Amino acid sequence: MFHASWTYVMAIKIRTKNGDVTVENDVIASVVGGATIANPGVVGMASRSALKDGVNQILNRESYGRGVVVSQGDKGLTIDVYIVVQHGMKLADISTSVQARVKYYLNAYLGLHVPEVNVIVQGIETED
């Protein structure tokens, strides 16, 4: 999913009539994480570095940044979301729901238009 023209961002600057507003990546990750875990079938956020952080680790609210990648490209912002889903759920339906909800939350809460949200399923939680 990496393109040479992408730049990973640490903060987004929004220009308003009263001045600039800077939104840090952790704030974006928190909004994305909240939008993501609100979806039925999503067990939690996962680390994008599954091998380094442990593939089965579900991130807590303070660690959502490890499961969200924000990048800037030719089309605008792109969000990559890493998730763990519940066993028996349709991955396509969950992914579509996550994409729509993330776009809605970012627009509603931060005024950001995000044309692309990529959902990466890092794991499936099975019943033990």
C-alpha atoms as a PDB file:
ATOM      1  CA  MET A   1       0.000   0.000   0.000  1.00  0.00           C
ATOM      2  CA  PHE A   2       3.002   2.326   0.174  1.00  0.00           C
ATOM      3  CA  HIS A   3       3.367   4.742  -2.706  1.00  0.00           C
ATOM      4  CA  ALA A   4       6.471   6.831  -3.288  1.00  0.00           C
ATOM      5  CA  SER A   5       4.391  10.022  -3.469  1.00  0.00           C
ATOM      6  CA  TRP A   6       2.972   9.532   0.041  1.00  0.00           C
ATOM      7  CA  THR A   7       4.243  11.401   3.042  1.00  0.00           C
ATOM      8  CA  TYR A   8       3.531  10.149   6.541  1.00  0.00           C
ATOM      9  CA  VAL A   9       2.257  13.013   8.641  1.00  0.00           C
ATOM     10  CA  MET A  10       2.574  13.788  12.330  1.00  0.00           C
ATOM     11  CA  ALA A  11       0.011  16.605  12.281  1.00  0.00           C
ATOM     12  CA  ILE A  12      -2.573  18.157   9.954  1.00  0.00           C
ATOM     13  CA  LYS A  13      -2.811  21.930   9.583  1.00  0.00           C
ATOM     14  CA  ILE A  14      -6.294  23.301   8.933  1.00  0.00           C
ATOM     15  CA  ARG A  15      -6.661  26.890   7.777  1.00  0.00           C
ATOM     16  CA  THR A  16      -9.709  28.756   9.125  1.00  0.00           C
ATOM     17  CA  LYS A  17     -10.815  32.371   8.751  1.00  0.00           C
ATOM     18  CA  ASN A  18      -9.502  33.036  12.273  1.00  0.00           C
ATOM     19  CA  GLY A  19      -6.118  31.348  11.800  1.00  0.00           C
ATOM     20  CA  ASP A  20      -4.533  27.918  11.585  1.00  0.00           C
ATOM     21  CA  VAL A  21      -5.479  24.874  13.648  1.00  0.00           C
ATOM     22  CA  THR A  22      -2.998  22.028  14.018  1.00  0.00           C
ATOM     23  CA  VAL A  23      -4.403  18.571  14.742  1.00  0.00           C
ATOM     24  CA  GLU A  24      -1.811  16.092  16.000  1.00  0.00           C
ATOM     25  CA  ASN A  25      -1.684  12.548  14.644  1.00  0.00           C
ATOM     26  CA  ASP A  26      -2.619  11.146  18.088  1.00  0.00           C
ATOM     27  CA  VAL A  27      -5.880  13.099  17.985  1.00  0.00           C
ATOM     28  CA  ILE A  28      -6.667  11.750  14.531  1.00  0.00           C
ATOM     29  CA  ALA A  29      -5.790   8.234  15.724  1.00  0.00           C
ATOM     30  CA  SER A  30      -8.094   8.614  18.726  1.00  0.00           C
ATOM     31  CA  VAL A  31     -11.022   9.677  16.523  1.00  0.00           C
ATOM     32  CA  VAL A  32     -10.295   6.863  14.043  1.00  0.00           C
ATOM     33  CA  GLY A  33     -10.009   4.326  16.872  1.00  0.00           C
ATOM     34  CA  GLY A  34     -13.301   5.426  18.425  1.00  0.00           C
ATOM     35  CA  ALA A  35     -15.027   5.217  15.045  1.00  0.00           C
ATOM     36  CA  THR A  36     -13.529   1.801  14.363  1.00  0.00           C
ATOM     37  CA  ILE A  37     -14.379   0.047  17.626  1.00  0.00           C
ATOM     38  CA  ALA A  38     -17.966   1.345  17.415  1.00  0.00           C
ATOM     39  CA  ASN A  39     -18.548  -1.088  14.526  1.00  0.00           C
ATOM     40  CA  PRO A  40     -20.237  -4.429  15.235  1.00  0.00           C
ATOM     41  CA  GLY A  41     -17.802  -7.266  14.650  1.00  0.00           C
ATOM     42  CA  VAL A  42     -14.690  -5.241  15.489  1.00  0.00           C
ATOM     43  CA  VAL A  43     -13.026  -6.630  18.610  1.00  0.00           C
ATOM     44  CA  GLY A  44     -10.431  -3.872  18.757  1.00  0.00           C
ATOM     45  CA  MET A  45      -7.566  -2.051  17.155  1.00  0.00           C
ATOM     46  CA  ALA A  46      -4.385  -3.947  16.316  1.00  0.00           C
ATOM     47  CA  SER A  47      -0.813  -2.802  15.993  1.00  0.00           C
ATOM     48  CA  ARG A  48       0.424  -2.133  12.479  1.00  0.00           C
ATOM     49  CA  SER A  49       3.706  -3.760  13.587  1.00  0.00           C
ATOM     50  CA  ALA A  50       2.211  -7.136  14.430  1.00  0.00           C
ATOM     51  CA  LEU A  51       5.514  -9.010  14.479  1.00  0.00           C
ATOM     52  CA  LYS A  52       7.183  -6.455  16.736  1.00  0.00           C
ATOM     53  CA  ASP A  53       4.237  -5.787  19.056  1.00  0.00           C
ATOM     54  CA  GLY A  54       2.596  -9.224  19.166  1.00  0.00           C
ATOM     55  CA  VAL A  55       0.004 -10.263  16.608  1.00  0.00           C
ATOM     56  CA  ASN A  56      -2.763 -10.927  19.118  1.00  0.00           C
ATOM     57  CA  GLN A  57      -2.405  -7.725  21.096  1.00  0.00           C
ATOM     58  CA  ILE A  58      -5.519  -5.562  21.105  1.00  0.00           C
ATOM     59  CA  LEU A  59      -4.649  -1.920  21.670  1.00  0.00           C
ATOM     60  CA  ASN A  60      -6.177   0.167  24.410  1.00  0.00           C
ATOM     61  CA  ARG A  61      -7.450   3.693  23.796  1.00  0.00           C
ATOM     62  CA  GLU A  62      -4.090   5.268  24.665  1.00  0.00           C
ATOM     63  CA  SER A  63      -2.324   3.107  22.037  1.00  0.00           C
ATOM     64  CA  TYR A  64      -4.615   3.660  19.035  1.00  0.00           C
ATOM     65  CA  GLY A  65      -1.797   5.525  17.286  1.00  0.00           C
ATOM     66  CA  ARG A  66       0.022   2.202  16.825  1.00  0.00           C
ATOM     67  CA  GLY A  67      -2.953   0.915  14.824  1.00  0.00           C
ATOM     68  CA  VAL A  68      -3.526   3.942  12.604  1.00  0.00           C
ATOM     69  CA  VAL A  69      -1.320   5.330   9.836  1.00  0.00           C
ATOM     70  CA  VAL A  70      -2.073   8.798   8.463  1.00  0.00           C
ATOM     71  CA  SER A  71      -0.434   9.720   5.180  1.00  0.00           C
ATOM     72  CA  GLN A  72      -0.719  12.566   2.703  1.00  0.00           C
ATOM     73  CA  GLY A  73      -0.824  11.797  -1.011  1.00  0.00           C
ATOM     74  CA  ASP A  74      -1.937  13.284  -4.296  1.00  0.00           C
ATOM     75  CA  LYS A  75      -5.624  12.649  -3.467  1.00  0.00           C
ATOM     76  CA  GLY A  76      -5.401  14.046   0.068  1.00  0.00           C
ATOM     77  CA  LEU A  77      -5.291  12.193   3.368  1.00  0.00           C
ATOM     78  CA  THR A  78      -5.217   8.419   3.483  1.00  0.00           C
ATOM     79  CA  ILE A  79      -5.933   6.493   6.674  1.00  0.00           C
ATOM     80  CA  ASP A  80      -4.786   2.905   7.233  1.00  0.00           C
ATOM     81  CA  VAL A  81      -6.640   1.166  10.086  1.00  0.00           C
ATOM     82  CA  TYR A  82      -5.432  -2.126  11.596  1.00  0.00           C
ATOM     83  CA  ILE A  83      -8.136  -4.185  13.317  1.00  0.00           C
ATOM     84  CA  VAL A  84      -9.010  -7.481  14.969  1.00  0.00           C
ATOM     85  CA  VAL A  85     -12.439  -8.859  14.103  1.00  0.00           C
ATOM     86  CA  GLN A  86     -14.813 -11.296  15.719  1.00  0.00           C
ATOM     87  CA  HIS A  87     -14.854 -14.836  14.354  1.00  0.00           C
ATOM     88  CA  GLY A  88     -17.780 -15.623  12.071  1.00  0.00           C
ATOM     89  CA  MET A  89     -18.316 -12.086  10.817  1.00  0.00           C
ATOM     90  CA  LYS A  90     -18.193 -11.067   7.137  1.00  0.00           C
ATOM     91  CA  LEU A  91     -14.926  -9.213   6.622  1.00  0.00           C
ATOM     92  CA  ALA A  92     -16.207  -7.258   3.623  1.00  0.00           C
ATOM     93  CA  ASP A  93     -19.198  -5.928   5.588  1.00  0.00           C
ATOM     94  CA  ILE A  94     -17.060  -4.980   8.591  1.00  0.00           C
ATOM     95  CA  SER A  95     -14.472  -3.267   6.395  1.00  0.00           C
ATOM     96  CA  THR A  96     -17.089  -1.261   4.502  1.00  0.00           C
ATOM     97  CA  SER A  97     -18.693  -0.181   7.775  1.00  0.00           C
ATOM     98  CA  VAL A  98     -15.334   0.847   9.281  1.00  0.00           C
ATOM     99  CA  GLN A  99     -14.451   2.862   6.177  1.00  0.00           C
ATOM    100  CA  ALA A 100     -17.752   4.751   6.189  1.00  0.00           C
ATOM    101  CA  ARG A 101     -17.719   5.419   9.934  1.00  0.00           C
ATOM    102  CA  VAL A 102     -14.085   6.608   9.976  1.00  0.00           C
ATOM    103  CA  LYS A 103     -14.773   9.030   7.114  1.00  0.00           C
ATOM    104  CA  TYR A 104     -17.910  10.301   8.864  1.00  0.00           C
ATOM    105  CA  TYR A 105     -16.229  10.778  12.279  1.00  0.00           C
ATOM    106  CA  LEU A 106     -13.213  12.595  10.805  1.00  0.00           C
ATOM    107  CA  ASN A 107     -15.493  14.927   8.884  1.00  0.00           C
ATOM    108  CA  ALA A 108     -17.948  15.481  11.754  1.00  0.00           C
ATOM    109  CA  TYR A 109     -15.390  15.935  14.561  1.00  0.00           C
ATOM    110  CA  LEU A 110     -12.361  17.423  12.815  1.00  0.00           C
ATOM    111  CA  GLY A 111     -13.710  18.779   9.527  1.00  0.00           C
ATOM    112  CA  LEU A 112     -11.359  16.512   7.570  1.00  0.00           C
ATOM    113  CA  HIS A 113     -12.356  15.049   4.212  1.00  0.00           C
ATOM    114  CA  VAL A 114     -10.605  11.702   3.795  1.00  0.00           C
ATOM    115  CA  PRO A 115     -11.043  10.114   0.360  1.00  0.00           C
ATOM    116  CA  GLU A 116      -9.348   6.811   1.242  1.00  0.00           C
ATOM    117  CA  VAL A 117      -9.576   4.575   4.307  1.00  0.00           C
ATOM    118  CA  ASN A 118      -7.776   1.239   4.073  1.00  0.00           C
ATOM    119  CA  VAL A 119      -8.785  -1.486   6.524  1.00  0.00           C
ATOM    120  CA  ILE A 120      -6.193  -4.143   7.333  1.00  0.00           C
ATOM    121  CA  VAL A 121      -7.441  -7.141   9.308  1.00  0.00           C
ATOM    122  CA  GLN A 122      -4.540  -8.193  11.551  1.00  0.00           C
ATOM    123  CA  GLY A 123      -6.372 -10.976  13.334  1.00  0.00           C
ATOM    124  CA  ILE A 124      -9.573 -12.831  14.053  1.00  0.00           C
ATOM    125  CA  GLU A 125     -10.580 -13.459  17.651  1.00  0.00           C
ATOM    126  CA  THR A 126     -11.860 -16.977  18.058  1.00  0.00           C
ATOM    127  CA  GLU A 127     -13.975 -18.318  20.862  1.00  0.00           C
ATOM    128  CA  ASP A 128     -11.899 -20.413  23.263  1.00  0.00           C
END
